[in-house]
């Protein structure tokens, strides 16, 4: 049975192989970044773009992904025995 980490890396590989997703797609919508929450316990709170980007950097670091693109690294995939996934992503320019 694959570990959660292996499953996350395999899933990322599948998404990259079949979509054009990258870091920009991990960002909240422009509306979510621009408008404060209108009501409830968090009324008035507004997302901080800088802090969100910092969180994404940390998330990518934890997963062994490139901060600029969100693409996995060969080192990360190789560590998990996912060399075939790395080869496939390299062929389409989505490996760091």
Protein backbone atom coordinates (compact mmCIF):
# COMPACT_ATOMS: atom_id res chain seq x y z
CA UNK A 1 0.00 0.00 0.00
CA UNK A 2 1.35 3.42 -0.95
CA UNK A 3 2.02 5.98 1.72
CA UNK A 4 0.12 9.25 1.76
CA UNK A 5 3.29 11.01 0.63
CA UNK A 6 3.65 8.69 -2.37
CA UNK A 7 -0.01 9.15 -3.21
CA UNK A 8 0.36 12.94 -3.07
CA UNK A 9 3.38 12.84 -5.37
CA UNK A 10 1.71 10.43 -7.81
CA UNK A 11 -1.42 12.57 -7.84
CA UNK A 12 0.62 15.68 -8.53
CA UNK A 13 2.30 13.88 -11.43
CA UNK A 14 -1.04 12.87 -12.92
CA UNK A 15 -2.43 16.40 -12.64
CA UNK A 16 0.66 17.90 -14.26
CA UNK A 17 0.66 15.37 -17.06
CA UNK A 18 -2.95 16.10 -18.01
CA UNK A 19 -3.37 19.79 -17.15
CA UNK A 20 -1.51 23.08 -17.37
CA UNK A 21 -1.81 23.71 -13.61
CA UNK A 22 1.05 25.46 -11.86
CA UNK A 23 1.54 27.81 -8.92
CA UNK A 24 -0.99 30.37 -10.18
CA UNK A 25 -3.69 27.72 -9.91
CA UNK A 26 -2.92 27.20 -6.22
CA UNK A 27 -3.77 30.84 -5.51
CA UNK A 28 -7.19 31.93 -4.24
CA UNK A 29 -9.46 33.74 -6.68
CA UNK A 30 -8.90 37.50 -7.14
CA UNK A 31 -12.18 38.12 -5.33
CA UNK A 32 -11.08 36.06 -2.34
CA UNK A 33 -7.88 38.10 -2.19
CA UNK A 34 -9.54 41.50 -2.61
CA UNK A 35 -12.74 41.40 -0.59
CA UNK A 36 -12.99 41.10 3.19
CA UNK A 37 -15.32 38.50 4.64
CA UNK A 38 -18.73 40.22 4.86
CA UNK A 39 -20.25 38.56 7.95
CA UNK A 40 -19.84 36.01 10.70
CA UNK A 41 -17.04 35.50 13.19
CA UNK A 42 -14.42 36.58 10.65
CA UNK A 43 -16.32 39.60 9.30
CA UNK A 44 -13.89 42.17 7.99
CA UNK A 45 -10.95 39.78 7.76
CA UNK A 46 -9.10 39.88 4.47
CA UNK A 47 -6.58 37.40 3.13
CA UNK A 48 -2.98 38.61 3.01
CA UNK A 49 -1.40 37.76 -0.36
CA UNK A 50 2.13 37.85 1.02
CA UNK A 51 1.31 35.48 3.85
CA UNK A 52 -0.53 33.16 1.48
CA UNK A 53 2.51 33.04 -0.82
CA UNK A 54 4.73 32.33 2.18
CA UNK A 55 2.43 29.45 3.15
CA UNK A 56 2.60 28.08 -0.41
CA UNK A 57 6.41 28.25 -0.33
CA UNK A 58 6.45 26.27 2.90
CA UNK A 59 3.93 23.75 1.53
CA UNK A 60 5.99 23.24 -1.63
CA UNK A 61 9.19 22.86 0.41
CA UNK A 62 7.55 20.17 2.56
CA UNK A 63 6.49 18.27 -0.55
CA UNK A 64 9.78 18.69 -2.43
CA UNK A 65 8.25 20.87 -5.14
CA UNK A 66 9.72 23.88 -6.92
CA UNK A 67 8.55 27.15 -5.35
CA UNK A 68 8.25 29.01 -8.65
CA UNK A 69 6.29 26.43 -10.64
CA UNK A 70 4.96 23.94 -8.05
CA UNK A 71 6.50 21.13 -10.13
CA UNK A 72 8.07 18.20 -8.25
CA UNK A 73 11.81 17.60 -8.34
CA UNK A 74 13.49 14.50 -9.69
CA UNK A 75 15.08 14.05 -6.25
CA UNK A 76 11.68 13.89 -4.56
CA UNK A 77 10.18 11.47 -7.06
CA UNK A 78 13.32 9.34 -7.15
CA UNK A 79 13.33 9.04 -3.37
CA UNK A 80 9.89 7.44 -3.60
CA UNK A 81 10.78 5.13 -6.48
CA UNK A 82 8.69 7.17 -8.91
CA UNK A 83 11.39 7.50 -11.58
CA UNK A 84 8.87 6.71 -14.34
CA UNK A 85 6.72 9.64 -13.21
CA UNK A 86 9.83 11.86 -13.20
CA UNK A 87 10.75 10.70 -16.72
CA UNK A 88 7.23 11.41 -17.99
CA UNK A 89 7.18 14.89 -16.45
CA UNK A 90 10.65 15.68 -17.79
CA UNK A 91 9.50 14.84 -21.34
CA UNK A 92 6.79 17.51 -21.09
CA UNK A 93 8.93 20.11 -19.30
CA UNK A 94 7.26 19.80 -15.91
CA UNK A 95 10.07 18.55 -13.73
CA UNK A 96 12.55 20.59 -11.67
